[in-house]
Amino acid sequence: MAPLSKMNPWRMGSNYISSISGATLVSGTIGLLIGLIVASLVSIPLYGLDGWLGWGVPSIVSACLGIFGLWVGSNRNQDVSAIIPALANPHSGGGGRGSRNGNILVDTSAIIDGRIADLSVTGFLEGKLLVPRFVLDELRHIADSSDSMRRSRGRRGLEVLGRLRKDSTIPLEVLDVGVNRGEEVDARLVQLARNMKSPILTTDYNLNRVAELQGVQVLNVNELANALKSIVLPSEDLRVNIVQEGKEPGQGVAYLDDGTMVVVEGGKRYLNAFHDVVVTRVLQTAAGRIIFAQPKDD
């Protein structure tokens, strides 16, 4: 057992090195080399010192500048990822759904939507949320709008960002990236996602389509919500609260907890009351699923 215990530190060190991304290793190595080169140039006149100072002081300078360069380089790994995208995810082999590097770019629509804050608390999101500065500027512009509806949406988005900043489950970082004059925010976001090999978190349908056409992975909150809706089969019993009349005579309309509409044939007489119904069919539309049912006692 003794030899195994002695190997544990080596195994722990190996596991730690394996967990470091390629971009961090490359950027840290570059920083270390630059630090040592600068230290060598600075130490040239120090070699003329008498006694041990002639080798001691240059060694200390080299160690300090080397460590400083390693630290600076490791913290600039995102710049290396942007220059050499393959280092962000060496197994991706290019764009598309296989490219993930732990970073998620967040669109303005996803921030205003607000569900991103609840989603981050659940732990299903992994990595780091990145908010470009031009997205933050757009959000502030919406919050300062003269239109009360847009203003309230913008302020809600700022509140969501505040919640995400305080939440320690998933880190949030603001990227100091702007847009050029005349450049659209969506186009700049897609370009940034392609350079960083990062997916985009959004609820914008048009941005979703444009990004997918350019090989950028999209995490659409609406698609996630639809995928998580409860599965209901014909002949299944439900107990629903019929809250309004339907389009056709005698129909009643209810909603499940996930927002799915339930159209109850002949349910108008049970308006504003809970009633047991039997599912007759399920219709999938572009807007979501609609469940058709009839009262159980019919």
Protein backbone atom coordinates (compact mmCIF):
# COMPACT_ATOMS: atom_id res chain seq x y z
CA MET A 1 0.00 0.00 0.00
CA ALA A 2 2.94 2.34 0.64
CA PRO A 3 4.04 2.58 -3.01
CA LEU A 4 0.46 3.40 -4.04
CA SER A 5 0.20 6.19 -1.51
CA LYS A 6 3.48 7.67 -2.78
CA MET A 7 2.10 7.69 -6.31
CA ASN A 8 -1.00 9.68 -5.33
CA PRO A 9 0.69 13.10 -5.57
CA TRP A 10 1.96 12.25 -9.06
CA ARG A 11 -1.51 11.07 -10.07
CA MET A 12 -3.09 14.21 -8.66
CA GLY A 13 -0.60 16.35 -10.54
CA SER A 14 -1.28 14.44 -13.75
CA ASN A 15 -5.03 14.88 -13.34
CA TYR A 16 -4.58 18.61 -12.72
CA ILE A 17 -2.45 19.07 -15.83
CA SER A 18 -5.00 17.09 -17.88
CA SER A 19 -7.77 19.44 -16.70
CA ILE A 20 -5.94 22.51 -18.04
CA SER A 21 -7.11 23.58 -21.49
CA GLY A 22 -4.72 23.67 -24.43
CA ALA A 23 -5.18 27.42 -24.78
CA THR A 24 -4.12 27.98 -21.15
CA LEU A 25 -1.03 25.78 -21.57
CA VAL A 26 0.05 27.57 -24.75
CA SER A 27 -0.61 31.08 -23.40
CA GLY A 28 1.12 30.26 -20.10
CA THR A 29 4.17 28.86 -21.91
CA ILE A 30 4.39 31.94 -24.14
CA GLY A 31 4.15 34.19 -21.09
CA LEU A 32 6.87 32.20 -19.30
CA LEU A 33 9.24 32.43 -22.28
CA ILE A 34 8.68 36.17 -22.65
CA GLY A 35 9.28 36.65 -18.92
CA LEU A 36 12.55 34.71 -19.07
CA ILE A 37 13.74 36.62 -22.15
CA VAL A 38 13.05 39.94 -20.43
CA ALA A 39 14.79 38.67 -17.29
CA SER A 40 17.87 37.69 -19.32
CA LEU A 41 18.11 41.15 -20.83
CA VAL A 42 17.63 42.85 -17.47
CA SER A 43 20.19 40.58 -15.78
CA ILE A 44 23.07 41.32 -18.20
CA PRO A 45 24.53 44.17 -16.10
CA LEU A 46 23.84 42.24 -12.87
CA TYR A 47 26.32 39.48 -13.71
CA GLY A 48 29.15 41.91 -12.95
CA LEU A 49 28.25 42.12 -9.26
CA ASP A 50 30.78 40.76 -6.77
CA GLY A 51 30.44 37.42 -5.00
CA TRP A 52 27.21 35.53 -4.82
CA LEU A 53 25.28 38.60 -5.99
CA GLY A 54 26.60 37.95 -9.49
CA TRP A 55 24.50 34.80 -9.79
CA GLY A 56 21.96 35.20 -6.96
CA VAL A 57 20.34 38.45 -8.09
CA PRO A 58 19.93 37.36 -11.77
CA SER A 59 18.41 34.07 -10.59
CA ILE A 60 15.88 35.89 -8.41
CA VAL A 61 15.02 38.31 -11.23
CA SER A 62 14.58 35.41 -13.68
CA ALA A 63 12.33 33.51 -11.26
CA CYS A 64 10.15 36.57 -10.51
CA LEU A 65 9.74 37.64 -14.13
CA GLY A 66 9.22 34.06 -15.29
CA ILE A 67 6.44 33.48 -12.76
CA PHE A 68 4.90 36.86 -13.58
CA GLY A 69 4.95 36.05 -17.31
CA LEU A 70 3.40 32.63 -16.64
CA TRP A 71 0.61 34.24 -14.60
CA VAL A 72 -0.11 36.93 -17.21
CA GLY A 73 -0.06 34.40 -20.06
CA SER A 74 -2.41 31.98 -18.29
CA ASN A 75 -4.93 34.76 -17.72
CA ARG A 76 -4.90 35.71 -21.42
CA ASN A 77 -5.92 32.25 -22.64
CA GLN A 78 -9.04 33.65 -24.34
CA ASP A 79 -6.87 35.72 -26.69
CA VAL A 80 -4.98 32.59 -27.72
CA SER A 81 -8.31 30.77 -28.22
CA ALA A 82 -9.48 33.52 -30.55
CA ILE A 83 -6.22 33.40 -32.55
CA ILE A 84 -6.00 29.59 -32.64
CA PRO A 85 -9.64 28.33 -32.42
CA ALA A 86 -8.59 24.66 -32.50
CA LEU A 87 -7.06 25.06 -29.02
CA ALA A 88 -10.48 25.93 -27.59
CA ASN A 89 -11.67 22.39 -28.32
CA PRO A 90 -9.15 20.07 -29.98
CA HIS A 91 -11.84 17.41 -30.57
CA SER A 92 -14.27 19.64 -32.41
CA GLY A 93 -12.71 19.47 -35.86
CA GLY A 94 -14.41 22.69 -36.92
CA GLY A 95 -17.70 24.44 -36.35
CA GLY A 96 -21.13 22.99 -35.76
CA ARG A 97 -22.62 21.25 -32.78
CA GLY A 98 -19.40 19.52 -31.80
CA SER A 99 -17.56 22.75 -30.94
CA ARG A 100 -17.74 23.54 -27.23
CA ASN A 101 -15.08 25.18 -25.08
CA GLY A 102 -16.94 25.80 -21.85
CA ASN A 103 -17.92 29.39 -22.73
CA ILE A 104 -21.45 30.47 -23.66
CA LEU A 105 -22.14 33.80 -25.36
CA VAL A 106 -25.39 35.35 -24.15
CA ASP A 107 -27.70 37.31 -26.43
CA THR A 108 -29.82 40.31 -25.37
CA SER A 109 -33.07 38.38 -25.88
CA ALA A 110 -31.99 35.60 -23.50
CA ILE A 111 -31.14 38.15 -20.81
CA ILE A 112 -34.46 39.99 -21.15
CA ASP A 113 -36.33 36.65 -21.20
CA GLY A 114 -35.11 36.04 -17.65
CA ARG A 115 -35.30 32.24 -17.59
CA ILE A 116 -31.53 32.06 -17.91
CA ALA A 117 -31.22 33.03 -14.24
CA ASP A 118 -33.43 30.14 -13.13
CA LEU A 119 -31.65 27.79 -15.53
CA SER A 120 -28.21 28.63 -14.13
CA VAL A 121 -29.37 27.83 -10.58
CA THR A 122 -30.36 24.29 -11.60
CA GLY A 123 -26.79 23.46 -12.61
CA PHE A 124 -27.67 22.32 -16.15
CA LEU A 125 -25.49 25.06 -17.64
CA GLU A 126 -21.75 24.39 -17.45
CA GLY A 127 -18.83 26.71 -18.09
CA LYS A 128 -18.86 30.49 -18.14
CA LEU A 129 -21.49 32.95 -19.38
CA LEU A 130 -19.93 35.64 -21.56
CA VAL A 131 -21.78 38.91 -22.17
CA PRO A 132 -20.13 41.08 -24.87
CA ARG A 133 -19.99 44.78 -24.12
CA PHE A 134 -22.10 45.59 -27.20
CA VAL A 135 -24.89 43.35 -25.83
CA LEU A 136 -24.71 45.21 -22.52
CA ASP A 137 -24.82 48.55 -24.37
CA GLU A 138 -27.89 47.41 -26.31
CA LEU A 139 -29.55 46.36 -23.06
CA ARG A 140 -28.86 49.75 -21.49
CA HIS A 141 -30.23 51.48 -24.59
CA ILE A 142 -33.45 49.46 -24.29
CA ALA A 143 -33.67 50.29 -20.57
CA ASP A 144 -33.43 54.03 -21.42
CA SER A 145 -36.06 53.84 -24.17
CA SER A 146 -38.93 56.33 -24.20
CA ASP A 147 -41.34 53.44 -24.82
CA SER A 148 -42.56 52.15 -21.46
CA MET A 149 -42.81 48.55 -22.67
CA ARG A 150 -39.23 48.48 -23.99
CA ARG A 151 -37.99 50.33 -20.92
CA SER A 152 -39.49 47.77 -18.55
CA ARG A 153 -38.02 44.91 -20.61
CA GLY A 154 -34.59 46.50 -20.54
CA ARG A 155 -34.71 47.06 -16.80
CA ARG A 156 -35.79 43.48 -16.26
CA GLY A 157 -32.76 42.39 -18.29
CA LEU A 158 -30.46 44.46 -16.08
CA GLU A 159 -32.04 42.88 -13.00
CA VAL A 160 -31.43 39.43 -14.47
CA LEU A 161 -27.76 40.30 -15.03
CA GLY A 162 -27.57 41.42 -11.41
CA ARG A 163 -28.93 38.04 -10.28
CA LEU A 164 -26.47 36.19 -12.48
CA ARG A 165 -23.59 38.29 -11.13
CA LYS A 166 -24.49 37.37 -7.55
CA ASP A 167 -25.06 33.69 -8.38
CA SER A 168 -21.93 31.60 -7.75
CA THR A 169 -23.25 28.53 -9.60
CA ILE A 170 -21.97 29.68 -12.99
CA PRO A 171 -19.51 32.57 -13.50
CA LEU A 172 -20.46 35.63 -15.54
CA GLU A 173 -17.93 37.72 -17.45
CA VAL A 174 -18.32 40.85 -19.58
CA LEU A 175 -16.17 40.81 -22.73
CA ASP A 176 -14.75 44.18 -23.74
CA VAL A 177 -15.83 43.80 -27.38
CA GLY A 178 -17.66 46.48 -29.33
CA VAL A 179 -19.26 46.79 -32.76
CA ASN A 180 -18.00 48.73 -35.74
CA ARG A 181 -19.99 51.62 -37.15
CA GLY A 182 -22.89 50.29 -39.20
CA GLU A 183 -22.41 46.70 -38.02
CA GLU A 184 -25.42 44.82 -36.67
CA VAL A 185 -25.31 43.40 -33.16
CA ASP A 186 -26.51 39.95 -34.26
CA ALA A 187 -23.90 39.74 -37.03
CA ARG A 188 -21.14 40.75 -34.62
CA LEU A 189 -22.32 38.19 -32.08
CA VAL A 190 -22.30 35.37 -34.65
CA GLN A 191 -18.82 36.40 -35.82
CA LEU A 192 -17.56 36.44 -32.23
CA ALA A 193 -19.08 33.02 -31.59
CA ARG A 194 -17.36 31.60 -34.67
CA ASN A 195 -13.97 33.02 -33.64
CA MET A 196 -14.27 31.75 -30.06
CA LYS A 197 -15.92 28.43 -31.00
CA SER A 198 -18.61 29.14 -28.41
CA PRO A 199 -22.38 28.54 -28.59
CA ILE A 200 -24.91 31.36 -28.37
CA LEU A 201 -27.66 31.35 -25.75
CA THR A 202 -30.72 33.12 -27.16
CA THR A 203 -34.49 33.15 -27.61
CA ASP A 204 -34.34 35.04 -30.94
CA TYR A 205 -35.67 32.82 -33.76
CA ASN A 206 -33.99 34.82 -36.56
CA LEU A 207 -30.61 34.83 -34.78
CA ASN A 208 -31.03 31.10 -34.25
CA ARG A 209 -31.46 30.43 -37.97
CA VAL A 210 -28.63 32.76 -39.07
CA ALA A 211 -26.18 31.30 -36.54
CA GLU A 212 -26.96 27.71 -37.50
CA LEU A 213 -26.45 28.52 -41.20
CA GLN A 214 -22.95 29.75 -40.33
CA GLY A 215 -22.08 26.65 -38.32
CA VAL A 216 -22.52 28.19 -34.86
CA GLN A 217 -24.20 26.11 -32.19
CA VAL A 218 -27.27 27.74 -30.64
CA LEU A 219 -28.77 27.06 -27.22
CA ASN A 220 -32.36 28.22 -27.63
CA VAL A 221 -34.22 28.59 -24.34
CA ASN A 222 -37.59 28.24 -26.07
CA GLU A 223 -36.58 24.96 -27.70
CA LEU A 224 -35.39 23.71 -24.31
CA ALA A 225 -38.70 24.65 -22.71
CA ASN A 226 -40.66 22.84 -25.45
CA ALA A 227 -38.46 19.77 -25.10
CA LEU A 228 -39.11 19.64 -21.36
CA LYS A 229 -42.89 19.85 -21.62
CA SER A 230 -44.70 16.90 -20.18
CA ILE A 231 -45.61 14.10 -22.58
CA VAL A 232 -49.35 13.49 -22.77
CA LEU A 233 -50.83 10.56 -24.69
CA PRO A 234 -54.37 9.97 -25.96
CA SER A 235 -56.71 8.28 -23.42
CA GLU A 236 -54.68 9.75 -20.55
CA ASP A 237 -56.62 11.39 -17.69
CA LEU A 238 -55.91 14.98 -16.65
CA ARG A 239 -57.36 17.30 -14.05
CA VAL A 240 -57.36 20.86 -15.36
CA ASN A 241 -58.72 24.25 -14.46
CA ILE A 242 -60.87 25.50 -17.33
CA VAL A 243 -60.23 29.24 -17.33
CA GLN A 244 -61.77 30.57 -20.57
CA GLU A 245 -63.98 29.81 -23.52
CA GLY A 246 -62.58 28.31 -26.73
CA LYS A 247 -62.95 29.52 -30.31
CA GLU A 248 -65.60 26.95 -31.17
CA PRO A 249 -69.04 26.88 -29.47
CA GLY A 250 -69.06 24.97 -26.19
CA GLN A 251 -65.27 24.67 -25.93
CA GLY A 252 -63.32 25.43 -22.78
CA VAL A 253 -59.60 26.17 -22.53
CA ALA A 254 -57.22 25.17 -19.75
CA TYR A 255 -53.43 25.29 -19.36
CA LEU A 256 -50.97 22.83 -17.89
CA ASP A 257 -48.24 23.95 -15.49
CA ASP A 258 -45.75 24.18 -18.38
CA GLY A 259 -48.08 26.45 -20.38
CA THR A 260 -49.42 23.83 -22.78
CA MET A 261 -52.95 24.67 -23.97
CA VAL A 262 -55.70 22.13 -23.36
CA VAL A 263 -58.85 22.54 -25.46
CA VAL A 264 -61.78 20.78 -23.80
CA GLU A 265 -64.67 19.95 -26.10
CA GLY A 266 -67.90 20.81 -24.27
CA GLY A 267 -65.93 22.26 -21.41
CA LYS A 268 -67.61 25.66 -21.39
CA ARG A 269 -70.10 24.51 -18.76
CA TYR A 270 -67.19 23.84 -16.37
CA LEU A 271 -65.75 27.33 -16.75
CA ASN A 272 -63.67 28.59 -13.78
CA ALA A 273 -63.60 25.15 -12.18
CA PHE A 274 -61.34 22.11 -12.01
CA HIS A 275 -62.58 19.07 -13.89
CA ASP A 276 -61.29 15.65 -14.95
CA VAL A 277 -60.80 15.27 -18.70
CA VAL A 278 -59.61 12.54 -21.07
CA VAL A 279 -57.07 13.36 -23.78
CA THR A 280 -58.39 12.61 -27.27
CA ARG A 281 -55.49 13.82 -29.43
CA VAL A 282 -52.31 15.91 -29.34
CA LEU A 283 -51.54 18.40 -32.09
CA GLN A 284 -47.97 19.67 -32.66
CA THR A 285 -47.82 23.16 -34.20
CA ALA A 286 -45.09 25.68 -34.87
CA ALA A 287 -46.10 27.54 -31.73
CA GLY A 288 -46.06 24.41 -29.57
CA ARG A 289 -48.33 21.55 -28.60
CA ILE A 290 -52.11 21.74 -28.23
CA ILE A 291 -53.94 19.02 -26.34
CA PHE A 292 -57.55 18.23 -27.18
CA ALA A 293 -59.68 16.55 -24.53
CA GLN A 294 -63.25 15.97 -23.44
CA PRO A 295 -64.85 15.83 -20.00
CA LYS A 296 -64.39 12.46 -18.37
CA ASP A 297 -68.06 12.05 -17.47
CA ASP A 298 -69.16 12.40 -21.14
